[in-house]
Amino acid sequence: MGEAVMTTRRQADGAIVVDVRGTLDAATVDALRDTLVGTVQRQRPPGLIVDLTFVTFMDSMGIGTLVTGYHAAREVGARFVLRNPSEFVHRQLRVTGLTELFGLTGAPSATGSYTA
């Protein structure tokens, strides 16, 4: 089982960025789920950005957690953005048919962000 570190910060526009480092698997997804859902419920930001730049592995539980975060953000009217998914993470989402849900159907933008 892996390890993951999550940090949050607020951007000037009010959006909350959750930086994730490490692996998203059975050992780490509860902390990410708590961070994503708790952040949108407590702070109700206009946007929730999940930066996956340093995610080295993600299994189906990690994917499910991102879907949970997506729905939690949508429930409070916040936009949900995945930023900088690695090719591995992007492939996992593509294989599971979730690229469209997360707006990842094309190539990443110049900023490395995909907006859902």
C-alpha atoms as a PDB file:
ATOM      1  CA  MET A   1       0.000   0.000   0.000  1.00  0.00           C
ATOM      2  CA  GLY A   2       1.174   3.484  -0.760  1.00  0.00           C
ATOM      3  CA  GLU A   3       1.438   6.836   0.864  1.00  0.00           C
ATOM      4  CA  ALA A   4      -0.083  10.143  -0.135  1.00  0.00           C
ATOM      5  CA  VAL A   5       0.278  13.688   1.090  1.00  0.00           C
ATOM      6  CA  MET A   6      -2.421  16.275   0.477  1.00  0.00           C
ATOM      7  CA  THR A   7      -2.163  20.000   0.991  1.00  0.00           C
ATOM      8  CA  THR A   8      -4.752  22.656   0.306  1.00  0.00           C
ATOM      9  CA  ARG A   9      -4.431  26.310  -0.552  1.00  0.00           C
ATOM     10  CA  ARG A  10      -6.751  29.055  -1.713  1.00  0.00           C
ATOM     11  CA  GLN A  11      -6.107  30.890  -4.971  1.00  0.00           C
ATOM     12  CA  ALA A  12      -6.771  34.608  -5.421  1.00  0.00           C
ATOM     13  CA  ASP A  13     -10.035  33.773  -7.241  1.00  0.00           C
ATOM     14  CA  GLY A  14     -11.284  31.810  -4.204  1.00  0.00           C
ATOM     15  CA  ALA A  15     -10.826  28.360  -5.716  1.00  0.00           C
ATOM     16  CA  ILE A  16      -9.271  25.741  -3.474  1.00  0.00           C
ATOM     17  CA  VAL A  17      -6.331  23.746  -4.831  1.00  0.00           C
ATOM     18  CA  VAL A  18      -5.718  20.287  -3.412  1.00  0.00           C
ATOM     19  CA  ASP A  19      -2.188  19.177  -4.232  1.00  0.00           C
ATOM     20  CA  VAL A  20      -1.855  15.392  -4.104  1.00  0.00           C
ATOM     21  CA  ARG A  21       1.500  13.598  -3.933  1.00  0.00           C
ATOM     22  CA  GLY A  22       2.121   9.868  -3.903  1.00  0.00           C
ATOM     23  CA  THR A  23      -0.268   7.017  -4.555  1.00  0.00           C
ATOM     24  CA  LEU A  24      -4.050   6.871  -4.503  1.00  0.00           C
ATOM     25  CA  ASP A  25      -5.063   3.411  -3.347  1.00  0.00           C
ATOM     26  CA  ALA A  26      -6.900   1.670  -0.503  1.00  0.00           C
ATOM     27  CA  ALA A  27      -4.441   3.012   2.069  1.00  0.00           C
ATOM     28  CA  THR A  28      -4.787   6.666   1.067  1.00  0.00           C
ATOM     29  CA  VAL A  29      -8.160   7.383  -0.517  1.00  0.00           C
ATOM     30  CA  ASP A  30     -10.039   7.997   2.738  1.00  0.00           C
ATOM     31  CA  ALA A  31      -7.838  11.004   3.474  1.00  0.00           C
ATOM     32  CA  LEU A  32      -8.359  12.390  -0.036  1.00  0.00           C
ATOM     33  CA  ARG A  33     -12.120  11.805   0.129  1.00  0.00           C
ATOM     34  CA  ASP A  34     -12.284  13.590   3.497  1.00  0.00           C
ATOM     35  CA  THR A  35     -10.252  16.488   2.090  1.00  0.00           C
ATOM     36  CA  LEU A  36     -12.321  16.883  -1.073  1.00  0.00           C
ATOM     37  CA  VAL A  37     -15.770  16.469   0.452  1.00  0.00           C
ATOM     38  CA  GLY A  38     -14.926  18.348   3.648  1.00  0.00           C
ATOM     39  CA  THR A  39     -13.471  21.269   1.733  1.00  0.00           C
ATOM     40  CA  VAL A  40     -16.494  21.774  -0.488  1.00  0.00           C
ATOM     41  CA  GLN A  41     -18.964  21.318   2.360  1.00  0.00           C
ATOM     42  CA  ARG A  42     -17.209  23.659   4.805  1.00  0.00           C
ATOM     43  CA  GLN A  43     -15.795  26.299   2.480  1.00  0.00           C
ATOM     44  CA  ARG A  44     -18.100  26.151  -0.568  1.00  0.00           C
ATOM     45  CA  PRO A  45     -15.420  27.472  -2.923  1.00  0.00           C
ATOM     46  CA  PRO A  46     -16.295  28.559  -6.455  1.00  0.00           C
ATOM     47  CA  GLY A  47     -13.927  25.864  -7.706  1.00  0.00           C
ATOM     48  CA  LEU A  48     -12.054  22.819  -6.501  1.00  0.00           C
ATOM     49  CA  ILE A  49      -8.815  22.052  -8.329  1.00  0.00           C
ATOM     50  CA  VAL A  50      -7.144  18.696  -7.772  1.00  0.00           C
ATOM     51  CA  ASP A  51      -3.512  18.854  -8.826  1.00  0.00           C
ATOM     52  CA  LEU A  52      -2.285  15.369  -9.738  1.00  0.00           C
ATOM     53  CA  THR A  53       1.192  16.361 -10.911  1.00  0.00           C
ATOM     54  CA  PHE A  54       2.943  14.151  -8.360  1.00  0.00           C
ATOM     55  CA  VAL A  55       0.526  11.206  -8.252  1.00  0.00           C
ATOM     56  CA  THR A  56       2.627   8.175  -9.097  1.00  0.00           C
ATOM     57  CA  PHE A  57      -0.089   5.500  -8.964  1.00  0.00           C
ATOM     58  CA  MET A  58      -3.873   5.407  -8.866  1.00  0.00           C
ATOM     59  CA  ASP A  59      -6.143   2.379  -8.696  1.00  0.00           C
ATOM     60  CA  SER A  60      -9.928   2.045  -8.947  1.00  0.00           C
ATOM     61  CA  MET A  61     -10.379   3.340  -5.409  1.00  0.00           C
ATOM     62  CA  GLY A  62      -8.516   6.518  -6.338  1.00  0.00           C
ATOM     63  CA  ILE A  63     -10.702   6.920  -9.396  1.00  0.00           C
ATOM     64  CA  GLY A  64     -13.817   6.453  -7.266  1.00  0.00           C
ATOM     65  CA  THR A  65     -12.603   9.118  -4.881  1.00  0.00           C
ATOM     66  CA  LEU A  66     -12.157  11.617  -7.709  1.00  0.00           C
ATOM     67  CA  VAL A  67     -15.722  10.846  -8.838  1.00  0.00           C
ATOM     68  CA  THR A  68     -16.933  11.449  -5.272  1.00  0.00           C
ATOM     69  CA  GLY A  69     -15.106  14.779  -5.202  1.00  0.00           C
ATOM     70  CA  TYR A  70     -16.592  15.721  -8.574  1.00  0.00           C
ATOM     71  CA  HIS A  71     -20.132  15.059  -7.331  1.00  0.00           C
ATOM     72  CA  ALA A  72     -19.542  16.851  -4.015  1.00  0.00           C
ATOM     73  CA  ALA A  73     -18.311  19.938  -5.870  1.00  0.00           C
ATOM     74  CA  ARG A  74     -21.248  19.861  -8.281  1.00  0.00           C
ATOM     75  CA  GLU A  75     -23.709  19.618  -5.370  1.00  0.00           C
ATOM     76  CA  VAL A  76     -22.553  23.010  -4.052  1.00  0.00           C
ATOM     77  CA  GLY A  77     -22.273  24.575  -7.508  1.00  0.00           C
ATOM     78  CA  ALA A  78     -18.466  24.508  -7.628  1.00  0.00           C
ATOM     79  CA  ARG A  79     -16.505  23.681 -10.747  1.00  0.00           C
ATOM     80  CA  PHE A  80     -14.227  20.658 -10.477  1.00  0.00           C
ATOM     81  CA  VAL A  81     -10.871  20.713 -12.233  1.00  0.00           C
ATOM     82  CA  LEU A  82      -8.217  18.030 -12.589  1.00  0.00           C
ATOM     83  CA  ARG A  83      -4.817  19.612 -13.122  1.00  0.00           C
ATOM     84  CA  ASN A  84      -1.743  17.935 -14.589  1.00  0.00           C
ATOM     85  CA  PRO A  85      -2.746  14.274 -14.574  1.00  0.00           C
ATOM     86  CA  SER A  86       0.199  12.115 -15.558  1.00  0.00           C
ATOM     87  CA  GLU A  87      -0.121   9.937 -18.629  1.00  0.00           C
ATOM     88  CA  PHE A  88      -0.650   6.960 -16.273  1.00  0.00           C
ATOM     89  CA  VAL A  89      -3.521   8.681 -14.450  1.00  0.00           C
ATOM     90  CA  HIS A  90      -5.029   9.911 -17.712  1.00  0.00           C
ATOM     91  CA  ARG A  91      -4.846   6.379 -19.117  1.00  0.00           C
ATOM     92  CA  GLN A  92      -6.586   4.971 -16.022  1.00  0.00           C
ATOM     93  CA  LEU A  93      -9.428   7.441 -16.491  1.00  0.00           C
ATOM     94  CA  ARG A  94      -9.588   6.711 -20.223  1.00  0.00           C
ATOM     95  CA  VAL A  95      -9.734   2.925 -19.663  1.00  0.00           C
ATOM     96  CA  THR A  96     -12.590   3.327 -17.186  1.00  0.00           C
ATOM     97  CA  GLY A  97     -14.527   5.616 -19.533  1.00  0.00           C
ATOM     98  CA  LEU A  98     -14.358   8.619 -17.209  1.00  0.00           C
ATOM     99  CA  THR A  99     -12.356  11.028 -19.332  1.00  0.00           C
ATOM    100  CA  GLU A 100     -15.539  12.650 -20.599  1.00  0.00           C
ATOM    101  CA  LEU A 101     -16.915  13.124 -17.062  1.00  0.00           C
ATOM    102  CA  PHE A 102     -13.732  14.955 -16.110  1.00  0.00           C
ATOM    103  CA  GLY A 103     -13.491  16.834 -19.416  1.00  0.00           C
ATOM    104  CA  LEU A 104     -10.300  15.006 -20.389  1.00  0.00           C
ATOM    105  CA  THR A 105     -11.341  14.078 -23.899  1.00  0.00           C
ATOM    106  CA  GLY A 106      -8.691  16.203 -25.608  1.00  0.00           C
ATOM    107  CA  ALA A 107      -5.070  16.931 -24.972  1.00  0.00           C
ATOM    108  CA  PRO A 108      -4.152  18.936 -21.885  1.00  0.00           C
ATOM    109  CA  SER A 109      -4.232  22.709 -22.224  1.00  0.00           C
ATOM    110  CA  ALA A 110      -1.068  24.782 -22.095  1.00  0.00           C
ATOM    111  CA  THR A 111      -1.547  25.068 -18.328  1.00  0.00           C
ATOM    112  CA  GLY A 112      -1.945  21.310 -17.937  1.00  0.00           C
ATOM    113  CA  SER A 113      -5.498  21.731 -16.622  1.00  0.00           C
ATOM    114  CA  TYR A 114      -8.632  19.947 -17.659  1.00  0.00           C
ATOM    115  CA  THR A 115     -11.941  21.458 -16.590  1.00  0.00           C
ATOM    116  CA  ALA A 116     -15.007  19.377 -15.872  1.00  0.00           C
END
